[in-house]
Amino acid sequence: MVLPFFMLVAIALWIKYLLVGDTTIIHFSLSSVIYLVLAACAMGFGYAAWNTGMLGGNVTLLTGASYFIPVLSSALSSLLLATPWNFLSGRAL
């Protein structure tokens, strides 16, 4: 059910982009394509791991790990965006 949702959202966003007539040109570079492929792989592997864990894994461990993932995500995002990461300020949000 997730795959059709993502496909329909992508189609809707492309239709909106074409109908609005935005004059900005989309520039594709090698680094942007690599980031796109890595993000798509991360999402796909994440959903596959979640389904595998829910079907036959340790649900308690899976639940605990799912609460830690946003912390890991913000740390990796700060590295990718080259911004300082402070756990305490992020926790305050």
N, C-alpha and C. Protein backbone atom coordinates (compact mmCIF):
# COMPACT_ATOMS: atom_id res chain seq x y z
N MET A 1 0.82 -1.19 0.00
CA MET A 1 0.00 0.00 0.00
C MET A 1 0.87 1.26 0.00
N VAL A 2 2.10 1.14 0.47
CA VAL A 2 2.98 2.31 0.53
C VAL A 2 3.48 2.68 -0.87
N LEU A 3 3.82 1.69 -1.67
CA LEU A 3 4.35 1.96 -3.01
C LEU A 3 3.36 2.74 -3.87
N PRO A 4 2.09 2.33 -3.97
CA PRO A 4 1.15 3.13 -4.77
C PRO A 4 0.99 4.56 -4.23
N PHE A 5 1.05 4.73 -2.91
CA PHE A 5 0.95 6.06 -2.34
C PHE A 5 2.09 6.95 -2.81
N PHE A 6 3.32 6.45 -2.73
CA PHE A 6 4.47 7.24 -3.17
C PHE A 6 4.41 7.53 -4.66
N MET A 7 3.96 6.54 -5.43
CA MET A 7 3.85 6.76 -6.87
C MET A 7 2.81 7.83 -7.20
N LEU A 8 1.65 7.78 -6.53
CA LEU A 8 0.62 8.78 -6.78
C LEU A 8 1.04 10.17 -6.32
N VAL A 9 1.76 10.26 -5.21
CA VAL A 9 2.26 11.56 -4.76
C VAL A 9 3.26 12.12 -5.76
N ALA A 10 4.15 11.28 -6.27
CA ALA A 10 5.12 11.74 -7.26
C ALA A 10 4.44 12.23 -8.53
N ILE A 11 3.44 11.49 -9.00
CA ILE A 11 2.71 11.89 -10.20
C ILE A 11 1.98 13.21 -9.96
N ALA A 12 1.34 13.34 -8.79
CA ALA A 12 0.61 14.57 -8.48
C ALA A 12 1.55 15.78 -8.41
N LEU A 13 2.72 15.58 -7.83
CA LEU A 13 3.67 16.70 -7.73
C LEU A 13 4.22 17.09 -9.10
N TRP A 14 4.47 16.12 -10.00
CA TRP A 14 4.92 16.45 -11.34
C TRP A 14 3.84 17.17 -12.12
N ILE A 15 2.57 16.74 -11.96
CA ILE A 15 1.47 17.43 -12.63
C ILE A 15 1.36 18.86 -12.12
N LYS A 16 1.48 19.05 -10.82
CA LYS A 16 1.43 20.39 -10.25
C LYS A 16 2.57 21.25 -10.78
N TYR A 17 3.76 20.68 -10.86
CA TYR A 17 4.92 21.41 -11.37
C TYR A 17 4.69 21.84 -12.81
N LEU A 18 4.11 20.96 -13.63
CA LEU A 18 3.89 21.29 -15.03
C LEU A 18 2.74 22.29 -15.21
N LEU A 19 1.72 22.20 -14.38
CA LEU A 19 0.58 23.10 -14.51
C LEU A 19 0.88 24.51 -14.00
N VAL A 20 1.66 24.62 -12.97
CA VAL A 20 1.99 25.93 -12.42
C VAL A 20 2.87 26.71 -13.38
N GLY A 21 3.67 26.02 -14.14
CA GLY A 21 4.54 26.68 -15.11
C GLY A 21 5.71 27.38 -14.45
N ASP A 22 6.29 26.73 -13.47
CA ASP A 22 7.43 27.31 -12.77
C ASP A 22 8.57 27.50 -13.77
N THR A 23 9.20 28.66 -13.72
CA THR A 23 10.24 28.98 -14.69
C THR A 23 11.62 28.52 -14.25
N THR A 24 11.75 27.99 -13.04
CA THR A 24 13.06 27.52 -12.61
C THR A 24 13.39 26.22 -13.33
N ILE A 25 14.62 26.09 -13.68
CA ILE A 25 15.08 24.91 -14.40
C ILE A 25 15.67 23.93 -13.39
N ILE A 26 15.30 22.69 -13.53
CA ILE A 26 15.83 21.66 -12.64
C ILE A 26 17.20 21.25 -13.15
N HIS A 27 18.20 21.38 -12.30
CA HIS A 27 19.56 21.01 -12.66
C HIS A 27 19.91 19.69 -11.98
N PHE A 28 20.29 18.72 -12.77
CA PHE A 28 20.72 17.44 -12.24
C PHE A 28 22.24 17.37 -12.29
N SER A 29 22.83 17.06 -11.16
CA SER A 29 24.26 16.85 -11.11
C SER A 29 24.50 15.43 -10.59
N LEU A 30 25.72 14.99 -10.69
CA LEU A 30 26.03 13.64 -10.24
C LEU A 30 25.78 13.50 -8.74
N SER A 31 26.14 14.50 -7.97
CA SER A 31 25.94 14.40 -6.52
C SER A 31 24.46 14.38 -6.16
N SER A 32 23.62 15.15 -6.87
CA SER A 32 22.20 15.13 -6.56
C SER A 32 21.56 13.80 -6.93
N VAL A 33 22.00 13.20 -8.01
CA VAL A 33 21.48 11.87 -8.39
C VAL A 33 21.93 10.82 -7.38
N ILE A 34 23.16 10.92 -6.91
CA ILE A 34 23.65 9.97 -5.90
C ILE A 34 22.85 10.10 -4.62
N TYR A 35 22.60 11.34 -4.17
CA TYR A 35 21.78 11.54 -2.97
C TYR A 35 20.37 10.99 -3.16
N LEU A 36 19.81 11.18 -4.34
CA LEU A 36 18.47 10.68 -4.62
C LEU A 36 18.43 9.16 -4.58
N VAL A 37 19.39 8.52 -5.18
CA VAL A 37 19.44 7.05 -5.18
C VAL A 37 19.67 6.52 -3.75
N LEU A 38 20.55 7.16 -3.01
CA LEU A 38 20.80 6.73 -1.63
C LEU A 38 19.56 6.90 -0.75
N ALA A 39 18.85 8.00 -0.94
CA ALA A 39 17.63 8.22 -0.16
C ALA A 39 16.56 7.19 -0.53
N ALA A 40 16.43 6.89 -1.81
CA ALA A 40 15.45 5.89 -2.24
C ALA A 40 15.82 4.51 -1.68
N CYS A 41 17.10 4.17 -1.69
CA CYS A 41 17.53 2.88 -1.13
C CYS A 41 17.28 2.83 0.38
N ALA A 42 17.57 3.92 1.06
CA ALA A 42 17.36 3.95 2.51
C ALA A 42 15.88 3.77 2.84
N MET A 43 15.01 4.43 2.09
CA MET A 43 13.57 4.27 2.34
C MET A 43 13.12 2.85 2.03
N GLY A 44 13.57 2.31 0.92
CA GLY A 44 13.18 0.95 0.55
C GLY A 44 13.67 -0.07 1.55
N PHE A 45 14.94 0.02 1.95
CA PHE A 45 15.47 -0.91 2.94
C PHE A 45 14.80 -0.73 4.30
N GLY A 46 14.46 0.51 4.62
CA GLY A 46 13.77 0.76 5.88
C GLY A 46 12.41 0.09 5.93
N TYR A 47 11.64 0.24 4.87
CA TYR A 47 10.34 -0.42 4.83
C TYR A 47 10.47 -1.93 4.81
N ALA A 48 11.45 -2.44 4.07
CA ALA A 48 11.65 -3.89 4.04
C ALA A 48 12.06 -4.42 5.41
N ALA A 49 12.94 -3.70 6.10
CA ALA A 49 13.37 -4.14 7.43
C ALA A 49 12.21 -4.06 8.43
N TRP A 50 11.39 -3.02 8.31
CA TRP A 50 10.24 -2.89 9.21
C TRP A 50 9.27 -4.06 9.01
N ASN A 51 8.97 -4.37 7.75
CA ASN A 51 8.05 -5.48 7.47
C ASN A 51 8.62 -6.81 7.96
N THR A 52 9.90 -7.04 7.74
CA THR A 52 10.53 -8.27 8.20
C THR A 52 10.52 -8.35 9.72
N GLY A 53 10.81 -7.24 10.36
CA GLY A 53 10.81 -7.22 11.82
C GLY A 53 9.43 -7.43 12.41
N MET A 54 8.42 -6.84 11.80
CA MET A 54 7.07 -7.01 12.31
C MET A 54 6.54 -8.42 12.09
N LEU A 55 6.95 -9.05 11.00
CA LEU A 55 6.44 -10.39 10.70
C LEU A 55 7.12 -11.48 11.52
N GLY A 56 8.41 -11.36 11.76
CA GLY A 56 9.07 -12.47 12.43
C GLY A 56 10.17 -12.08 13.39
N GLY A 57 10.28 -10.82 13.71
CA GLY A 57 11.38 -10.39 14.55
C GLY A 57 10.95 -10.09 15.97
N ASN A 58 11.85 -9.47 16.69
CA ASN A 58 11.61 -9.08 18.07
C ASN A 58 10.92 -7.72 18.07
N VAL A 59 9.63 -7.70 18.34
CA VAL A 59 8.86 -6.47 18.26
C VAL A 59 9.31 -5.47 19.32
N THR A 60 9.73 -5.94 20.49
CA THR A 60 10.19 -5.05 21.54
C THR A 60 11.46 -4.32 21.10
N LEU A 61 12.39 -5.04 20.52
CA LEU A 61 13.62 -4.43 20.02
C LEU A 61 13.31 -3.46 18.88
N LEU A 62 12.40 -3.84 18.02
CA LEU A 62 12.02 -2.99 16.90
C LEU A 62 11.39 -1.68 17.39
N THR A 63 10.56 -1.77 18.40
CA THR A 63 9.94 -0.57 18.97
C THR A 63 10.98 0.35 19.59
N GLY A 64 11.91 -0.22 20.33
CA GLY A 64 12.97 0.59 20.94
C GLY A 64 13.85 1.25 19.89
N ALA A 65 14.17 0.52 18.85
CA ALA A 65 15.01 1.08 17.78
C ALA A 65 14.28 2.18 17.03
N SER A 66 12.96 2.05 16.89
CA SER A 66 12.21 3.07 16.15
C SER A 66 12.20 4.40 16.89
N TYR A 67 12.35 4.38 18.21
CA TYR A 67 12.44 5.63 18.96
C TYR A 67 13.82 6.26 18.86
N PHE A 68 14.85 5.47 18.54
CA PHE A 68 16.20 5.99 18.43
C PHE A 68 16.49 6.54 17.03
N ILE A 69 15.76 6.10 16.03
CA ILE A 69 16.03 6.47 14.64
C ILE A 69 15.98 7.99 14.41
N PRO A 70 15.03 8.75 14.98
CA PRO A 70 15.07 10.21 14.75
C PRO A 70 16.34 10.88 15.26
N VAL A 71 16.90 10.37 16.34
CA VAL A 71 18.16 10.92 16.85
C VAL A 71 19.29 10.65 15.86
N LEU A 72 19.35 9.42 15.37
CA LEU A 72 20.36 9.07 14.37
C LEU A 72 20.15 9.86 13.09
N SER A 73 18.91 10.05 12.69
CA SER A 73 18.60 10.79 11.48
C SER A 73 19.04 12.25 11.59
N SER A 74 18.79 12.87 12.72
CA SER A 74 19.20 14.27 12.87
C SER A 74 20.72 14.40 12.93
N ALA A 75 21.39 13.43 13.52
CA ALA A 75 22.86 13.47 13.54
C ALA A 75 23.43 13.32 12.13
N LEU A 76 22.89 12.38 11.36
CA LEU A 76 23.38 12.20 9.98
C LEU A 76 23.03 13.40 9.10
N SER A 77 21.87 13.99 9.32
CA SER A 77 21.49 15.18 8.55
C SER A 77 22.42 16.35 8.85
N SER A 78 22.80 16.50 10.10
CA SER A 78 23.72 17.59 10.43
C SER A 78 25.08 17.37 9.78
N LEU A 79 25.51 16.13 9.68
CA LEU A 79 26.78 15.87 8.98
C LEU A 79 26.65 16.16 7.49
N LEU A 80 25.54 15.73 6.91
CA LEU A 80 25.34 15.92 5.47
C LEU A 80 25.21 17.40 5.12
N LEU A 81 24.53 18.16 5.97
CA LEU A 81 24.32 19.58 5.71
C LEU A 81 25.41 20.47 6.28
N ALA A 82 26.39 19.86 6.93
CA ALA A 82 27.53 20.57 7.52
C ALA A 82 27.06 21.65 8.49
N THR A 83 26.14 21.29 9.37
CA THR A 83 25.66 22.21 10.40
C THR A 83 26.00 21.62 11.76
N PRO A 84 26.17 22.47 12.76
CA PRO A 84 26.48 21.94 14.10
C PRO A 84 25.27 21.20 14.67
N TRP A 85 25.54 20.10 15.34
CA TRP A 85 24.48 19.29 15.92
C TRP A 85 24.63 19.29 17.41
N ASN A 86 23.59 19.72 18.08
CA ASN A 86 23.59 19.73 19.53
C ASN A 86 22.36 18.95 19.98
N PHE A 87 22.58 17.83 20.63
CA PHE A 87 21.47 16.95 21.01
C PHE A 87 20.50 17.64 21.95
N LEU A 88 21.01 18.45 22.87
CA LEU A 88 20.13 19.09 23.84
C LEU A 88 19.22 20.12 23.20
N SER A 89 19.71 20.89 22.25
CA SER A 89 18.84 21.87 21.59
C SER A 89 17.82 21.17 20.70
N GLY A 90 18.18 20.09 20.07
CA GLY A 90 17.23 19.33 19.28
C GLY A 90 16.16 18.67 20.12
N ARG A 91 16.53 18.26 21.30
CA ARG A 91 15.57 17.62 22.20
C ARG A 91 14.55 18.63 22.71
N ALA A 92 14.94 19.90 22.83
CA ALA A 92 14.03 20.92 23.31
C ALA A 92 12.90 21.19 22.32
N LEU A 93 13.14 20.92 21.05
CA LEU A 93 12.10 21.14 20.05
C LEU A 93 10.99 20.15 20.25
